[in-house]
Amino acid sequence: MTFIHIADLHASPSRLEEILKVLTTLKERCLEGGVAFILFAGDFWDFIISNSAKSGFSRILRAFFDLQEVVECYMIYGTPTHEADGSLECFSIMPNVKVYDCKGA
């Protein structure tokens, strides 16, 4: 089984173009075939990000939505200072995304 493991993207307005490039590159790689799933192992966000044009939040969500259309994605909460409780829930409503909170595990 082939999967991609990635962590510490630290998505933020200052890293918007880098994050979009990473998500696009992941999608392109998965379209080539052979990738069963992607595991995002914490710190997807760099801090709490607002939903505004300046933050790029909706652009990140769109790129992630496009990615999850071609491969299953699993997300694990990372450092609480980067990912506040509930900050990954915006992804959990996407059909091919599962979000796990591993507190106490």
C-alpha atoms as a PDB file:
ATOM      1  CA  MET A   1       0.000   0.000   0.000  1.00  0.00           C
ATOM      2  CA  THR A   2       1.311   3.426  -0.909  1.00  0.00           C
ATOM      3  CA  PHE A   3       0.332   6.489   1.074  1.00  0.00           C
ATOM      4  CA  ILE A   4       1.644   9.983   1.632  1.00  0.00           C
ATOM      5  CA  HIS A   5       2.451  11.177   5.131  1.00  0.00           C
ATOM      6  CA  ILE A   6       2.808  14.921   5.577  1.00  0.00           C
ATOM      7  CA  ALA A   7       2.879  17.148   8.640  1.00  0.00           C
ATOM      8  CA  ASP A   8       3.646  20.666   9.767  1.00  0.00           C
ATOM      9  CA  LEU A   9       2.316  22.532   6.747  1.00  0.00           C
ATOM     10  CA  HIS A  10       1.631  25.529   8.999  1.00  0.00           C
ATOM     11  CA  ALA A  11      -0.909  27.071   6.630  1.00  0.00           C
ATOM     12  CA  SER A  12      -1.208  30.809   7.144  1.00  0.00           C
ATOM     13  CA  PRO A  13      -1.753  33.947   5.083  1.00  0.00           C
ATOM     14  CA  SER A  14       2.001  34.491   4.807  1.00  0.00           C
ATOM     15  CA  ARG A  15       2.464  30.958   3.414  1.00  0.00           C
ATOM     16  CA  LEU A  16      -0.643  30.917   1.215  1.00  0.00           C
ATOM     17  CA  GLU A  17       1.050  30.393  -2.144  1.00  0.00           C
ATOM     18  CA  GLU A  18       3.330  27.671  -0.736  1.00  0.00           C
ATOM     19  CA  ILE A  19       0.362  25.817   0.777  1.00  0.00           C
ATOM     20  CA  LEU A  20      -1.631  26.016  -2.441  1.00  0.00           C
ATOM     21  CA  LYS A  21       1.390  24.664  -4.351  1.00  0.00           C
ATOM     22  CA  VAL A  22       1.770  21.760  -1.901  1.00  0.00           C
ATOM     23  CA  LEU A  23      -1.927  20.839  -2.159  1.00  0.00           C
ATOM     24  CA  THR A  24      -1.862  21.090  -5.955  1.00  0.00           C
ATOM     25  CA  THR A  25       1.300  18.983  -6.164  1.00  0.00           C
ATOM     26  CA  LEU A  26      -0.256  16.341  -3.888  1.00  0.00           C
ATOM     27  CA  LYS A  27      -3.329  16.219  -6.115  1.00  0.00           C
ATOM     28  CA  GLU A  28      -1.210  15.860  -9.262  1.00  0.00           C
ATOM     29  CA  ARG A  29       0.799  13.038  -7.664  1.00  0.00           C
ATOM     30  CA  CYS A  30      -2.377  11.232  -6.630  1.00  0.00           C
ATOM     31  CA  LEU A  31      -3.855  11.587 -10.117  1.00  0.00           C
ATOM     32  CA  GLU A  32      -0.838   9.655 -11.407  1.00  0.00           C
ATOM     33  CA  GLY A  33      -2.242   6.700  -9.448  1.00  0.00           C
ATOM     34  CA  GLY A  34      -1.127   4.291  -6.806  1.00  0.00           C
ATOM     35  CA  VAL A  35      -1.682   6.459  -3.716  1.00  0.00           C
ATOM     36  CA  ALA A  36      -4.222   4.915  -1.343  1.00  0.00           C
ATOM     37  CA  PHE A  37      -4.541   7.899   1.017  1.00  0.00           C
ATOM     38  CA  ILE A  38      -2.831  10.945   2.489  1.00  0.00           C
ATOM     39  CA  LEU A  39      -2.238  11.339   6.216  1.00  0.00           C
ATOM     40  CA  PHE A  40      -1.923  14.922   7.451  1.00  0.00           C
ATOM     41  CA  ALA A  41      -0.283  14.324  10.812  1.00  0.00           C
ATOM     42  CA  GLY A  42      -0.764  17.577  12.653  1.00  0.00           C
ATOM     43  CA  ASP A  43      -0.160  21.290  12.422  1.00  0.00           C
ATOM     44  CA  PHE A  44      -1.965  21.809   9.136  1.00  0.00           C
ATOM     45  CA  TRP A  45      -2.714  25.334  10.401  1.00  0.00           C
ATOM     46  CA  ASP A  46      -0.088  27.668  11.816  1.00  0.00           C
ATOM     47  CA  PHE A  47      -2.585  29.431  14.073  1.00  0.00           C
ATOM     48  CA  ILE A  48      -6.237  30.382  14.072  1.00  0.00           C
ATOM     49  CA  ILE A  49      -7.006  31.816  10.653  1.00  0.00           C
ATOM     50  CA  SER A  50      -9.979  34.005   9.835  1.00  0.00           C
ATOM     51  CA  ASN A  51     -12.262  33.451   6.880  1.00  0.00           C
ATOM     52  CA  SER A  52     -11.398  36.486   4.784  1.00  0.00           C
ATOM     53  CA  ALA A  53     -10.122  37.215   1.307  1.00  0.00           C
ATOM     54  CA  LYS A  54      -6.825  38.425   2.761  1.00  0.00           C
ATOM     55  CA  SER A  55      -6.249  35.229   4.765  1.00  0.00           C
ATOM     56  CA  GLY A  56      -6.728  32.929   1.784  1.00  0.00           C
ATOM     57  CA  PHE A  57      -8.834  30.594   3.933  1.00  0.00           C
ATOM     58  CA  SER A  58     -11.382  29.882   1.195  1.00  0.00           C
ATOM     59  CA  ARG A  59      -8.607  29.274  -1.359  1.00  0.00           C
ATOM     60  CA  ILE A  60      -7.011  26.721   0.964  1.00  0.00           C
ATOM     61  CA  LEU A  61     -10.359  25.001   1.487  1.00  0.00           C
ATOM     62  CA  ARG A  62     -11.007  24.902  -2.274  1.00  0.00           C
ATOM     63  CA  ALA A  63      -7.580  23.382  -2.961  1.00  0.00           C
ATOM     64  CA  PHE A  64      -8.101  20.821  -0.205  1.00  0.00           C
ATOM     65  CA  PHE A  65     -11.582  20.011  -1.539  1.00  0.00           C
ATOM     66  CA  ASP A  66     -10.081  19.398  -4.980  1.00  0.00           C
ATOM     67  CA  LEU A  67      -7.448  17.125  -3.424  1.00  0.00           C
ATOM     68  CA  GLN A  68      -9.929  15.031  -1.465  1.00  0.00           C
ATOM     69  CA  GLU A  69     -11.918  14.452  -4.641  1.00  0.00           C
ATOM     70  CA  VAL A  70      -9.065  12.260  -5.933  1.00  0.00           C
ATOM     71  CA  VAL A  71      -7.766  10.623  -2.727  1.00  0.00           C
ATOM     72  CA  GLU A  72      -8.936   9.901   0.801  1.00  0.00           C
ATOM     73  CA  CYS A  73      -7.421  12.222   3.382  1.00  0.00           C
ATOM     74  CA  TYR A  74      -6.953  11.635   7.095  1.00  0.00           C
ATOM     75  CA  MET A  75      -6.153  14.510   9.440  1.00  0.00           C
ATOM     76  CA  ILE A  76      -4.885  14.441  13.012  1.00  0.00           C
ATOM     77  CA  TYR A  77      -4.859  17.462  15.286  1.00  0.00           C
ATOM     78  CA  GLY A  78      -1.414  18.753  16.092  1.00  0.00           C
ATOM     79  CA  THR A  79      -0.098  21.255  18.580  1.00  0.00           C
ATOM     80  CA  PRO A  80      -2.977  23.111  20.312  1.00  0.00           C
ATOM     81  CA  THR A  81      -1.265  26.461  19.713  1.00  0.00           C
ATOM     82  CA  HIS A  82      -1.449  25.760  15.984  1.00  0.00           C
ATOM     83  CA  GLU A  83      -4.771  23.918  15.785  1.00  0.00           C
ATOM     84  CA  ALA A  84      -7.361  25.050  18.260  1.00  0.00           C
ATOM     85  CA  ASP A  85     -10.184  22.667  19.121  1.00  0.00           C
ATOM     86  CA  GLY A  86     -12.512  22.499  16.142  1.00  0.00           C
ATOM     87  CA  SER A  87     -10.138  24.130  13.661  1.00  0.00           C
ATOM     88  CA  LEU A  88     -10.053  21.039  11.424  1.00  0.00           C
ATOM     89  CA  GLU A  89     -13.827  20.602  11.416  1.00  0.00           C
ATOM     90  CA  CYS A  90     -14.067  22.631   8.206  1.00  0.00           C
ATOM     91  CA  PHE A  91     -12.450  19.617   6.520  1.00  0.00           C
ATOM     92  CA  SER A  92     -14.566  16.939   8.189  1.00  0.00           C
ATOM     93  CA  ILE A  93     -17.638  17.896   6.166  1.00  0.00           C
ATOM     94  CA  MET A  94     -15.822  16.950   2.965  1.00  0.00           C
ATOM     95  CA  PRO A  95     -16.811  13.465   1.738  1.00  0.00           C
ATOM     96  CA  ASN A  96     -13.331  11.909   1.621  1.00  0.00           C
ATOM     97  CA  VAL A  97     -11.828  13.448   4.750  1.00  0.00           C
ATOM     98  CA  LYS A  98     -11.699  11.946   8.221  1.00  0.00           C
ATOM     99  CA  VAL A  99     -10.534  14.091  11.139  1.00  0.00           C
ATOM    100  CA  TYR A 100      -9.204  12.521  14.331  1.00  0.00           C
ATOM    101  CA  ASP A 101      -8.539  14.121  17.677  1.00  0.00           C
ATOM    102  CA  CYS A 102      -6.057  11.872  19.460  1.00  0.00           C
ATOM    103  CA  LYS A 103      -6.173  13.488  22.906  1.00  0.00           C
ATOM    104  CA  GLY A 104      -5.710  10.908  25.552  1.00  0.00           C
ATOM    105  CA  ALA A 105      -4.836   8.224  23.020  1.00  0.00           C
END
